[in-house]
Amino acid sequence: MLYGGLPAWKNAGYKTSSKDTGQIASVVKVLEGVVNSEEFIKAATSRNSNTILLDVRSYEEFEQGIIPGAITIPADEVGNRIVEIPPGKQIYIYCKSGVRAEMVYVLFKEKGIPSKYLNKNVFIEKDGSFFIGENTRNQ
């Protein structure tokens, strides 16, 4: 952000151009494997036997609250505990910010395990209720 706009830019002695620079386009890239908030909420609240919620936060974060029915395995233990995750189900991976969830998603993809991950901030209360917020890595 430039405070003072173009006049401040010029007053600071920076160069300007009157040439046509064309158009600047922005492309939003949807990250592979990302589940949107609505689909995640539906999976988390429907208690469907064909879906698994995989919480990959830390043990300390689990103490703050867990979404009911979720399997809790810290991200750094998933590789050694992968047998605890029932096969043949739709897996939704989440953590506090989406970073660890994405790491586990990549591990699953390498192992041929279909899954999706939530690339958003998740705030979970002691009673299991949760709120999904935005983060800077959004889809």
N, C-alpha and C. Protein backbone atom coordinates (compact mmCIF):
# COMPACT_ATOMS: atom_id res chain seq x y z
N MET A 1 0.86 -1.17 0.00
CA MET A 1 0.00 0.00 0.00
C MET A 1 0.90 1.23 0.00
N LEU A 2 0.57 2.18 -0.79
CA LEU A 2 1.32 3.43 -0.86
C LEU A 2 0.49 4.52 -0.22
N TYR A 3 0.99 5.01 0.91
CA TYR A 3 0.29 6.09 1.59
C TYR A 3 0.56 7.40 0.85
N GLY A 4 -0.47 8.13 0.57
CA GLY A 4 -0.33 9.40 -0.14
C GLY A 4 -0.53 9.28 -1.63
N GLY A 5 -0.64 8.02 -2.12
CA GLY A 5 -0.92 7.78 -3.53
C GLY A 5 0.18 8.23 -4.46
N LEU A 6 -0.21 8.50 -5.70
CA LEU A 6 0.73 8.89 -6.75
C LEU A 6 1.47 10.18 -6.42
N PRO A 7 0.79 11.17 -5.83
CA PRO A 7 1.53 12.40 -5.49
C PRO A 7 2.69 12.13 -4.52
N ALA A 8 2.48 11.28 -3.54
CA ALA A 8 3.54 10.94 -2.60
C ALA A 8 4.67 10.20 -3.30
N TRP A 9 4.32 9.36 -4.25
CA TRP A 9 5.31 8.61 -5.04
C TRP A 9 6.21 9.60 -5.80
N LYS A 10 5.57 10.55 -6.48
CA LYS A 10 6.31 11.54 -7.25
C LYS A 10 7.15 12.44 -6.35
N ASN A 11 6.57 12.87 -5.22
CA ASN A 11 7.30 13.73 -4.27
C ASN A 11 8.53 13.03 -3.70
N ALA A 12 8.46 11.70 -3.61
CA ALA A 12 9.60 10.94 -3.09
C ALA A 12 10.69 10.77 -4.16
N GLY A 13 10.40 11.22 -5.39
CA GLY A 13 11.39 11.15 -6.45
C GLY A 13 11.39 9.85 -7.23
N TYR A 14 10.37 9.02 -7.05
CA TYR A 14 10.30 7.76 -7.78
C TYR A 14 9.82 8.01 -9.21
N LYS A 15 10.28 7.18 -10.13
CA LYS A 15 9.93 7.32 -11.54
C LYS A 15 8.48 6.90 -11.79
N THR A 16 7.91 7.55 -12.80
CA THR A 16 6.58 7.17 -13.28
C THR A 16 6.66 7.02 -14.79
N SER A 17 5.66 6.43 -15.37
CA SER A 17 5.62 6.25 -16.81
C SER A 17 4.21 6.52 -17.30
N SER A 18 4.14 7.11 -18.47
CA SER A 18 2.82 7.35 -19.05
C SER A 18 2.53 6.34 -20.15
N LYS A 19 3.43 5.37 -20.32
CA LYS A 19 3.23 4.33 -21.33
C LYS A 19 2.13 3.37 -20.89
N ASP A 20 1.46 2.80 -21.85
CA ASP A 20 0.46 1.77 -21.57
C ASP A 20 1.19 0.52 -21.11
N THR A 21 0.95 0.12 -19.90
CA THR A 21 1.61 -1.09 -19.36
C THR A 21 0.74 -2.32 -19.52
N GLY A 22 -0.38 -2.18 -20.19
CA GLY A 22 -1.26 -3.34 -20.36
C GLY A 22 -2.09 -3.57 -19.11
N GLN A 23 -2.69 -4.72 -19.06
CA GLN A 23 -3.51 -5.05 -17.91
C GLN A 23 -2.76 -6.02 -17.01
N ILE A 24 -3.00 -5.88 -15.76
CA ILE A 24 -2.43 -6.80 -14.78
C ILE A 24 -3.56 -7.74 -14.35
N ALA A 25 -3.31 -9.02 -14.47
CA ALA A 25 -4.34 -10.00 -14.12
C ALA A 25 -3.89 -10.78 -12.90
N SER A 26 -4.84 -11.15 -12.13
CA SER A 26 -4.58 -11.98 -10.96
C SER A 26 -5.32 -13.30 -11.15
N VAL A 27 -4.62 -14.39 -10.92
CA VAL A 27 -5.22 -15.70 -11.07
C VAL A 27 -5.21 -16.38 -9.70
N VAL A 28 -6.38 -16.83 -9.28
CA VAL A 28 -6.49 -17.55 -8.03
C VAL A 28 -6.41 -19.03 -8.35
N LYS A 29 -5.44 -19.68 -7.77
CA LYS A 29 -5.24 -21.10 -8.03
C LYS A 29 -5.85 -21.91 -6.88
N VAL A 30 -6.71 -22.84 -7.23
CA VAL A 30 -7.28 -23.73 -6.22
C VAL A 30 -6.25 -24.81 -5.92
N LEU A 31 -5.91 -24.93 -4.67
CA LEU A 31 -4.92 -25.92 -4.27
C LEU A 31 -5.49 -27.32 -4.38
N GLU A 32 -4.68 -28.24 -4.84
CA GLU A 32 -5.11 -29.63 -4.99
C GLU A 32 -5.44 -30.24 -3.63
N GLY A 33 -6.55 -30.95 -3.57
CA GLY A 33 -6.93 -31.66 -2.36
C GLY A 33 -7.67 -30.84 -1.32
N VAL A 34 -7.89 -29.57 -1.59
CA VAL A 34 -8.53 -28.70 -0.60
C VAL A 34 -10.04 -28.89 -0.62
N VAL A 35 -10.60 -29.04 0.57
CA VAL A 35 -12.05 -29.14 0.73
C VAL A 35 -12.57 -27.76 1.14
N ASN A 36 -13.72 -27.37 0.61
CA ASN A 36 -14.26 -26.07 1.01
C ASN A 36 -14.94 -26.18 2.38
N SER A 37 -15.15 -25.04 2.98
CA SER A 37 -15.71 -25.01 4.34
C SER A 37 -17.06 -25.70 4.44
N GLU A 38 -17.92 -25.47 3.45
CA GLU A 38 -19.27 -26.04 3.50
C GLU A 38 -19.23 -27.56 3.48
N GLU A 39 -18.40 -28.14 2.61
CA GLU A 39 -18.30 -29.60 2.55
C GLU A 39 -17.71 -30.15 3.85
N PHE A 40 -16.72 -29.46 4.40
CA PHE A 40 -16.12 -29.91 5.66
C PHE A 40 -17.14 -29.88 6.79
N ILE A 41 -17.87 -28.80 6.90
CA ILE A 41 -18.89 -28.67 7.96
C ILE A 41 -19.92 -29.77 7.82
N LYS A 42 -20.36 -30.04 6.60
CA LYS A 42 -21.34 -31.11 6.38
C LYS A 42 -20.77 -32.46 6.84
N ALA A 43 -19.51 -32.73 6.49
CA ALA A 43 -18.87 -33.99 6.89
C ALA A 43 -18.71 -34.06 8.41
N ALA A 44 -18.37 -32.93 9.02
CA ALA A 44 -18.12 -32.90 10.46
C ALA A 44 -19.39 -33.00 11.29
N THR A 45 -20.50 -32.61 10.72
CA THR A 45 -21.75 -32.60 11.50
C THR A 45 -22.72 -33.71 11.12
N SER A 46 -22.48 -34.38 10.00
CA SER A 46 -23.44 -35.41 9.56
C SER A 46 -23.21 -36.77 10.20
N ARG A 47 -22.03 -37.01 10.70
CA ARG A 47 -21.68 -38.30 11.33
C ARG A 47 -21.91 -39.46 10.35
N ASN A 48 -21.54 -39.26 9.11
CA ASN A 48 -21.67 -40.28 8.07
C ASN A 48 -20.63 -41.37 8.30
N SER A 49 -21.04 -42.62 8.25
CA SER A 49 -20.11 -43.73 8.49
C SER A 49 -19.10 -43.92 7.36
N ASN A 50 -19.31 -43.24 6.24
CA ASN A 50 -18.37 -43.34 5.12
C ASN A 50 -17.31 -42.24 5.12
N THR A 51 -17.34 -41.37 6.13
CA THR A 51 -16.35 -40.31 6.21
C THR A 51 -15.57 -40.38 7.52
N ILE A 52 -14.35 -39.92 7.44
CA ILE A 52 -13.47 -39.86 8.61
C ILE A 52 -12.94 -38.44 8.73
N LEU A 53 -13.03 -37.88 9.93
CA LEU A 53 -12.37 -36.62 10.23
C LEU A 53 -11.06 -36.98 10.90
N LEU A 54 -9.96 -36.51 10.35
CA LEU A 54 -8.64 -36.78 10.92
C LEU A 54 -8.06 -35.47 11.43
N ASP A 55 -7.98 -35.34 12.74
CA ASP A 55 -7.46 -34.17 13.42
C ASP A 55 -5.96 -34.40 13.64
N VAL A 56 -5.12 -33.58 13.00
CA VAL A 56 -3.68 -33.79 13.09
C VAL A 56 -2.99 -32.70 13.91
N ARG A 57 -3.73 -32.10 14.83
CA ARG A 57 -3.15 -31.11 15.73
C ARG A 57 -2.28 -31.81 16.78
N SER A 58 -1.71 -31.06 17.69
CA SER A 58 -0.87 -31.62 18.75
C SER A 58 -1.72 -32.10 19.92
N TYR A 59 -1.10 -32.88 20.82
CA TYR A 59 -1.81 -33.35 22.01
C TYR A 59 -2.33 -32.17 22.83
N GLU A 60 -1.55 -31.12 22.94
CA GLU A 60 -1.97 -29.94 23.69
C GLU A 60 -3.22 -29.32 23.06
N GLU A 61 -3.26 -29.31 21.74
CA GLU A 61 -4.43 -28.75 21.06
C GLU A 61 -5.66 -29.65 21.23
N PHE A 62 -5.45 -30.97 21.28
CA PHE A 62 -6.58 -31.89 21.50
C PHE A 62 -7.25 -31.59 22.84
N GLU A 63 -6.46 -31.21 23.84
CA GLU A 63 -7.00 -30.91 25.17
C GLU A 63 -7.94 -29.71 25.15
N GLN A 64 -7.78 -28.83 24.17
CA GLN A 64 -8.63 -27.65 24.07
C GLN A 64 -10.02 -27.99 23.53
N GLY A 65 -10.14 -29.14 22.86
CA GLY A 65 -11.42 -29.56 22.30
C GLY A 65 -11.22 -30.40 21.06
N ILE A 66 -12.15 -31.32 20.83
CA ILE A 66 -12.08 -32.22 19.68
C ILE A 66 -13.47 -32.26 19.04
N ILE A 67 -13.51 -32.22 17.72
CA ILE A 67 -14.79 -32.37 17.03
C ILE A 67 -15.26 -33.81 17.27
N PRO A 68 -16.48 -34.01 17.76
CA PRO A 68 -16.97 -35.35 18.07
C PRO A 68 -16.81 -36.32 16.89
N GLY A 69 -16.28 -37.49 17.17
CA GLY A 69 -16.10 -38.53 16.17
C GLY A 69 -14.78 -38.48 15.42
N ALA A 70 -14.01 -37.44 15.63
CA ALA A 70 -12.74 -37.31 14.90
C ALA A 70 -11.69 -38.29 15.44
N ILE A 71 -10.84 -38.76 14.55
CA ILE A 71 -9.66 -39.54 14.93
C ILE A 71 -8.56 -38.52 15.16
N THR A 72 -7.89 -38.61 16.30
CA THR A 72 -6.85 -37.65 16.65
C THR A 72 -5.47 -38.31 16.61
N ILE A 73 -4.66 -37.88 15.67
CA ILE A 73 -3.28 -38.35 15.55
C ILE A 73 -2.44 -37.13 15.17
N PRO A 74 -1.50 -36.73 16.02
CA PRO A 74 -0.65 -35.60 15.66
C PRO A 74 0.05 -35.83 14.31
N ALA A 75 0.20 -34.76 13.54
CA ALA A 75 0.77 -34.85 12.19
C ALA A 75 2.09 -35.62 12.15
N ASP A 76 2.95 -35.39 13.14
CA ASP A 76 4.25 -36.04 13.11
C ASP A 76 4.20 -37.53 13.47
N GLU A 77 3.02 -38.02 13.84
CA GLU A 77 2.87 -39.45 14.16
C GLU A 77 2.05 -40.21 13.11
N VAL A 78 1.45 -39.49 12.18
CA VAL A 78 0.55 -40.13 11.22
C VAL A 78 1.25 -41.24 10.43
N GLY A 79 2.46 -41.00 9.98
CA GLY A 79 3.19 -42.00 9.18
C GLY A 79 3.32 -43.33 9.89
N ASN A 80 3.56 -43.30 11.20
CA ASN A 80 3.72 -44.53 11.99
C ASN A 80 2.39 -45.11 12.46
N ARG A 81 1.33 -44.33 12.39
CA ARG A 81 0.04 -44.78 12.91
C ARG A 81 -1.04 -44.88 11.84
N ILE A 82 -0.61 -44.89 10.60
CA ILE A 82 -1.54 -44.88 9.47
C ILE A 82 -2.51 -46.07 9.49
N VAL A 83 -2.11 -47.18 10.10
CA VAL A 83 -2.97 -48.37 10.18
C VAL A 83 -4.20 -48.12 11.06
N GLU A 84 -4.18 -47.06 11.86
CA GLU A 84 -5.32 -46.73 12.71
C GLU A 84 -6.45 -46.06 11.94
N ILE A 85 -6.20 -45.72 10.70
CA ILE A 85 -7.19 -45.02 9.89
C ILE A 85 -7.89 -46.05 9.00
N PRO A 86 -9.18 -46.26 9.23
CA PRO A 86 -9.91 -47.27 8.45
C PRO A 86 -9.85 -46.98 6.94
N PRO A 87 -9.56 -47.99 6.15
CA PRO A 87 -9.48 -47.79 4.69
C PRO A 87 -10.87 -47.70 4.06
N GLY A 88 -10.90 -47.18 2.84
CA GLY A 88 -12.14 -47.14 2.07
C GLY A 88 -13.12 -46.07 2.48
N LYS A 89 -12.69 -45.10 3.22
CA LYS A 89 -13.57 -44.01 3.66
C LYS A 89 -13.08 -42.70 3.06
N GLN A 90 -13.95 -41.70 2.99
CA GLN A 90 -13.53 -40.36 2.58
C GLN A 90 -12.90 -39.69 3.80
N ILE A 91 -11.65 -39.31 3.69
CA ILE A 91 -10.90 -38.74 4.81
C ILE A 91 -10.82 -37.22 4.64
N TYR A 92 -11.19 -36.50 5.69
CA TYR A 92 -11.07 -35.06 5.75
C TYR A 92 -10.04 -34.74 6.84
N ILE A 93 -8.92 -34.18 6.44
CA ILE A 93 -7.82 -33.88 7.36
C ILE A 93 -7.89 -32.40 7.74
N TYR A 94 -7.66 -32.12 9.02
CA TYR A 94 -7.63 -30.72 9.45
C TYR A 94 -6.68 -30.55 10.61
N CYS A 95 -6.25 -29.31 10.80
CA CYS A 95 -5.44 -28.91 11.95
C CYS A 95 -5.87 -27.50 12.32
N LYS A 96 -5.04 -26.80 13.01
CA LYS A 96 -5.42 -25.45 13.44
C LYS A 96 -5.38 -24.45 12.28
N SER A 97 -4.43 -24.60 11.34
CA SER A 97 -4.27 -23.60 10.28
C SER A 97 -4.27 -24.16 8.86
N GLY A 98 -4.22 -25.47 8.71
CA GLY A 98 -4.17 -26.07 7.38
C GLY A 98 -2.79 -26.53 6.95
N VAL A 99 -1.75 -26.05 7.61
CA VAL A 99 -0.38 -26.39 7.22
C VAL A 99 -0.07 -27.87 7.47
N ARG A 100 -0.32 -28.34 8.68
CA ARG A 100 -0.06 -29.75 8.99
C ARG A 100 -1.03 -30.65 8.24
N ALA A 101 -2.26 -30.20 8.05
CA ALA A 101 -3.24 -30.98 7.28
C ALA A 101 -2.74 -31.19 5.86
N GLU A 102 -2.18 -30.16 5.27
CA GLU A 102 -1.65 -30.29 3.91
C GLU A 102 -0.47 -31.27 3.88
N MET A 103 0.39 -31.23 4.89
CA MET A 103 1.52 -32.16 4.94
C MET A 103 1.03 -33.60 4.99
N VAL A 104 0.01 -33.88 5.79
CA VAL A 104 -0.53 -35.22 5.88
C VAL A 104 -1.23 -35.60 4.57
N TYR A 105 -1.91 -34.65 3.96
CA TYR A 105 -2.53 -34.90 2.66
C TYR A 105 -1.48 -35.35 1.64
N VAL A 106 -0.33 -34.68 1.61
CA VAL A 106 0.74 -35.05 0.67
C VAL A 106 1.24 -36.46 0.98
N LEU A 107 1.40 -36.80 2.25
CA LEU A 107 1.81 -38.15 2.64
C LEU A 107 0.80 -39.17 2.14
N PHE A 108 -0.49 -38.90 2.36
CA PHE A 108 -1.54 -39.82 1.91
C PHE A 108 -1.54 -39.96 0.39
N LYS A 109 -1.36 -38.84 -0.30
CA LYS A 109 -1.34 -38.88 -1.76
C LYS A 109 -0.19 -39.77 -2.25
N GLU A 110 0.98 -39.65 -1.62
CA GLU A 110 2.13 -40.49 -1.99
C GLU A 110 1.84 -41.97 -1.74
N LYS A 111 1.01 -42.27 -0.76
CA LYS A 111 0.68 -43.65 -0.42
C LYS A 111 -0.58 -44.13 -1.12
N GLY A 112 -1.18 -43.27 -1.95
CA GLY A 112 -2.37 -43.65 -2.70
C GLY A 112 -3.64 -43.68 -1.86
N ILE A 113 -3.66 -42.93 -0.76
CA ILE A 113 -4.83 -42.87 0.12
C ILE A 113 -5.64 -41.63 -0.23
N PRO A 114 -6.85 -41.80 -0.77
CA PRO A 114 -7.66 -40.63 -1.13
C PRO A 114 -8.05 -39.82 0.11
N SER A 115 -7.89 -38.52 0.01
CA SER A 115 -8.25 -37.65 1.12
C SER A 115 -8.39 -36.22 0.62
N LYS A 116 -8.90 -35.37 1.50
CA LYS A 116 -8.99 -33.94 1.27
C LYS A 116 -8.56 -33.26 2.56
N TYR A 117 -8.11 -32.01 2.45
CA TYR A 117 -7.73 -31.30 3.66
C TYR A 117 -8.35 -29.91 3.70
N LEU A 118 -8.58 -29.43 4.92
CA LEU A 118 -9.15 -28.11 5.13
C LEU A 118 -8.00 -27.11 5.24
N ASN A 119 -7.98 -26.14 4.36
CA ASN A 119 -6.92 -25.14 4.31
C ASN A 119 -7.42 -23.84 4.94
N LYS A 120 -7.89 -23.95 6.14
CA LYS A 120 -8.45 -22.80 6.86
C LYS A 120 -8.06 -22.93 8.33
N ASN A 121 -8.24 -21.85 9.06
CA ASN A 121 -8.05 -21.89 10.50
C ASN A 121 -9.27 -22.53 11.14
N VAL A 122 -9.04 -23.44 12.07
CA VAL A 122 -10.14 -24.10 12.77
C VAL A 122 -9.98 -23.83 14.26
N PHE A 123 -11.03 -23.34 14.88
CA PHE A 123 -11.05 -23.07 16.31
C PHE A 123 -12.06 -24.02 16.94
N ILE A 124 -11.59 -24.88 17.83
CA ILE A 124 -12.45 -25.91 18.41
C ILE A 124 -12.60 -25.66 19.91
N GLU A 125 -13.84 -25.66 20.35
CA GLU A 125 -14.14 -25.44 21.76
C GLU A 125 -14.10 -26.77 22.53
N LYS A 126 -14.06 -26.67 23.83
CA LYS A 126 -14.01 -27.85 24.70
C LYS A 126 -15.21 -28.78 24.45
N ASP A 127 -16.37 -28.21 24.13
CA ASP A 127 -17.57 -29.02 23.91
C ASP A 127 -17.64 -29.64 22.51
N GLY A 128 -16.61 -29.40 21.68
CA GLY A 128 -16.58 -29.97 20.34
C GLY A 128 -17.14 -29.07 19.26
N SER A 129 -17.75 -27.97 19.65
CA SER A 129 -18.22 -27.03 18.64
C SER A 129 -17.00 -26.38 18.00
N PHE A 130 -17.16 -25.91 16.76
CA PHE A 130 -16.00 -25.36 16.08
C PHE A 130 -16.38 -24.21 15.17
N PHE A 131 -15.41 -23.41 14.85
CA PHE A 131 -15.56 -22.26 13.97
C PHE A 131 -14.44 -22.33 12.95
N ILE A 132 -14.76 -22.10 11.68
CA ILE A 132 -13.76 -22.09 10.63
C ILE A 132 -13.54 -20.65 10.21
N GLY A 133 -12.29 -20.21 10.28
CA GLY A 133 -11.92 -18.86 9.86
C GLY A 133 -11.08 -18.89 8.61
N GLU A 134 -10.71 -17.74 8.14
CA GLU A 134 -9.89 -17.64 6.94
C GLU A 134 -8.42 -17.65 7.34
N ASN A 135 -7.56 -17.98 6.39
CA ASN A 135 -6.13 -17.81 6.58
C ASN A 135 -5.53 -17.30 5.28
N THR A 136 -4.27 -17.01 5.29
CA THR A 136 -3.64 -16.40 4.12
C THR A 136 -3.38 -17.38 3.01
N ARG A 137 -3.56 -18.66 3.22
CA ARG A 137 -3.30 -19.67 2.20
C ARG A 137 -4.61 -20.18 1.59
N ASN A 138 -5.64 -19.40 1.65
CA ASN A 138 -6.95 -19.84 1.20
C ASN A 138 -6.99 -20.29 -0.25
N GLN A 139 -7.95 -21.16 -0.54
CA GLN A 139 -8.13 -21.64 -1.92
C GLN A 139 -8.60 -20.56 -2.83
